[in-house]
Amino acid sequence: MSFNVFVLNNDLNKTSKLNLINFYQSIEYFYNNNDGTKIITINEDLTYKYSAKHLVNILCNISLTSLNSYNKSIRKIFNFKYNNPIVLNKITLLVIGNINNYDTVFINYNNVYEIKSINEDKVLFKFYSNRELIINKGHDYIDKQIDKITNVKRYLK
């Protein structure tokens, strides 16, 4: 089954779990747009009819949690309060901005092979697919996100 069938049915029982995991692992980044969410994957660009935050919650659900529960746990265990990365079983999301803001970009850190500073407030992400993305954030912001990811992954081992 394709991602589109899953979106229409919104039913995990009718969707191959393997196909969903493969799809989510293929995500490079996504962000809100006028049609819902623009999803850039290794092979194609897709539109999801709901918000990026809704997609993040679905990713959390596949890992047997919710975004709300995940954030509560992160806050309690690590004392991380803001701009937390989302570390799940098969996907790790750098959250570039506030998760509630329309212009937030979610980057699958697992598919990034290089992060390079362009200047003090722009960072270039290079993906394994040879796609590139420039983000208007400083390298310090990205470094803090990566430190948080490292802490969470170390805890989960």
Protein backbone atom coordinates (compact mmCIF):
# COMPACT_ATOMS: atom_id res chain seq x y z
CA MET A 1 0.00 0.00 0.00
CA SER A 2 1.14 3.49 -0.67
CA PHE A 3 1.35 6.45 1.67
CA ASN A 4 -1.73 7.95 -0.03
CA VAL A 5 -3.83 4.92 0.90
CA PHE A 6 -2.67 5.23 4.51
CA VAL A 7 -3.61 8.92 4.55
CA LEU A 8 -7.06 8.20 3.17
CA ASN A 9 -7.74 5.24 5.45
CA ASN A 10 -5.75 6.53 8.42
CA ASP A 11 -5.84 2.92 9.60
CA LEU A 12 -2.62 1.19 10.62
CA ASN A 13 -4.33 -2.22 10.58
CA LYS A 14 -4.98 -1.94 6.83
CA THR A 15 -1.52 -0.67 5.99
CA SER A 16 1.62 -2.72 5.74
CA LYS A 17 3.80 -1.72 8.68
CA LEU A 18 6.92 -2.45 6.62
CA ASN A 19 5.80 -0.09 3.84
CA LEU A 20 5.08 2.65 6.38
CA ILE A 21 8.46 2.25 8.06
CA ASN A 22 10.22 2.29 4.68
CA PHE A 23 8.28 5.40 3.71
CA TYR A 24 9.08 7.23 6.94
CA GLN A 25 12.75 6.29 6.69
CA SER A 26 12.82 7.77 3.18
CA ILE A 27 11.68 11.22 4.38
CA GLU A 28 14.38 13.85 4.05
CA TYR A 29 12.41 16.82 5.36
CA PHE A 30 8.92 18.28 5.49
CA TYR A 31 7.20 21.56 6.21
CA ASN A 32 3.76 23.18 6.19
CA ASN A 33 2.44 24.72 2.99
CA ASN A 34 -0.94 25.99 1.73
CA ASP A 35 -2.09 22.46 0.84
CA GLY A 36 -1.09 20.90 4.18
CA THR A 37 2.43 19.48 4.42
CA LYS A 38 5.06 19.22 1.71
CA ILE A 39 7.06 16.00 2.23
CA ILE A 40 10.39 15.62 0.47
CA THR A 41 11.51 11.99 0.31
CA ILE A 42 14.51 10.33 -1.28
CA ASN A 43 12.46 9.44 -4.38
CA GLU A 44 9.61 11.94 -4.63
CA ASP A 45 7.87 15.02 -3.29
CA LEU A 46 4.44 14.47 -1.76
CA THR A 47 1.67 16.55 -0.26
CA TYR A 48 -0.06 15.44 2.92
CA LYS A 49 -3.41 17.11 3.48
CA TYR A 50 -2.87 17.80 7.20
CA SER A 51 -0.32 19.89 9.11
CA ALA A 52 3.30 18.93 9.69
CA LYS A 53 2.56 18.64 13.42
CA HIS A 54 -0.16 16.10 12.60
CA LEU A 55 2.37 14.09 10.57
CA VAL A 56 4.82 14.18 13.49
CA ASN A 57 2.09 12.82 15.75
CA ILE A 58 1.48 9.95 13.31
CA LEU A 59 5.21 9.19 13.33
CA CYS A 60 5.05 9.12 17.12
CA ASN A 61 1.98 6.84 17.02
CA ILE A 62 3.84 4.32 14.86
CA SER A 63 6.49 4.25 17.62
CA LEU A 64 3.74 3.67 20.21
CA THR A 65 3.71 7.15 21.70
CA SER A 66 2.16 10.54 21.03
CA LEU A 67 3.85 13.87 20.52
CA ASN A 68 2.44 15.12 23.81
CA SER A 69 3.70 12.07 25.74
CA TYR A 70 7.08 12.24 24.02
CA ASN A 71 7.53 15.90 24.96
CA LYS A 72 6.47 15.26 28.57
CA SER A 73 9.02 12.45 28.86
CA ILE A 74 11.80 14.51 27.28
CA ARG A 75 11.04 17.35 29.67
CA LYS A 76 10.99 15.05 32.71
CA ILE A 77 14.06 12.93 31.88
CA PHE A 78 16.36 15.50 30.27
CA ASN A 79 14.86 18.82 31.34
CA PHE A 80 14.69 19.85 27.65
CA LYS A 81 11.93 22.42 27.38
CA TYR A 82 12.03 23.98 23.92
CA ASN A 83 12.79 22.99 20.33
CA ASN A 84 13.27 19.34 21.10
CA PRO A 85 14.30 16.92 18.38
CA ILE A 86 12.03 13.93 17.87
CA VAL A 87 13.98 10.67 18.32
CA LEU A 88 11.88 7.64 17.41
CA ASN A 89 12.63 4.04 16.40
CA LYS A 90 13.30 4.61 12.70
CA ILE A 91 13.41 8.38 12.26
CA THR A 92 15.15 11.26 14.02
CA LEU A 93 13.75 14.72 13.35
CA LEU A 94 15.60 17.96 13.82
CA VAL A 95 12.90 20.53 14.55
CA ILE A 96 13.96 23.82 12.98
CA GLY A 97 11.78 26.33 14.79
CA ASN A 98 8.87 26.02 17.19
CA ILE A 99 6.79 22.92 16.46
CA ASN A 100 3.61 25.03 16.64
CA ASN A 101 4.75 27.59 14.06
CA TYR A 102 3.68 27.36 10.45
CA ASP A 103 7.19 27.91 9.07
CA THR A 104 8.92 25.14 11.04
CA VAL A 105 10.94 22.63 9.03
CA PHE A 106 11.39 19.03 10.17
CA ILE A 107 14.59 17.37 8.94
CA ASN A 108 15.22 13.63 9.11
CA TYR A 109 18.70 13.68 10.63
CA ASN A 110 19.22 10.02 9.64
CA ASN A 111 19.26 11.03 5.95
CA VAL A 112 21.70 13.94 6.34
CA TYR A 113 25.32 13.28 5.46
CA GLU A 114 26.75 16.78 5.92
CA ILE A 115 25.85 19.98 7.75
CA LYS A 116 27.81 23.05 6.75
CA SER A 117 27.69 26.62 8.01
CA ILE A 118 27.16 29.15 5.21
CA ASN A 119 27.36 32.17 7.51
CA GLU A 120 26.42 32.92 11.10
CA ASP A 121 22.69 32.55 10.48
CA LYS A 122 22.44 30.06 7.58
CA VAL A 123 23.18 26.35 7.53
CA LEU A 124 23.34 23.99 4.56
CA PHE A 125 22.08 20.40 4.92
CA LYS A 126 23.26 17.87 2.35
CA PHE A 127 21.28 14.65 2.06
CA TYR A 128 22.37 11.23 0.83
CA SER A 129 20.14 11.78 -2.22
CA ASN A 130 22.37 14.77 -3.17
CA ARG A 131 19.53 17.18 -2.40
CA GLU A 132 20.47 20.29 -0.44
CA LEU A 133 18.48 22.49 1.94
CA ILE A 134 19.46 25.88 3.36
CA ILE A 135 18.00 26.78 6.75
CA ASN A 136 17.94 30.26 8.30
CA LYS A 137 19.35 29.21 11.67
CA GLY A 138 22.82 29.50 13.12
CA HIS A 139 25.14 26.53 13.49
CA ASP A 140 24.91 26.87 17.30
CA TYR A 141 21.18 26.13 17.13
CA ILE A 142 21.83 23.01 15.03
CA ASP A 143 24.67 21.90 17.34
CA LYS A 144 22.33 22.13 20.35
CA GLN A 145 19.75 20.02 18.50
CA ILE A 146 22.40 17.40 17.65
CA ASP A 147 23.60 17.36 21.27
CA LYS A 148 20.03 16.68 22.39
CA ILE A 149 19.74 13.85 19.84
CA THR A 150 22.99 12.33 21.12
CA ASN A 151 21.75 12.48 24.72
CA VAL A 152 18.42 10.84 23.89
CA LYS A 153 20.03 8.10 21.76
CA ARG A 154 22.57 7.37 24.49
CA TYR A 155 19.73 7.10 27.02
CA LEU A 156 17.77 4.72 24.76
CA LYS A 157 20.69 2.27 24.27
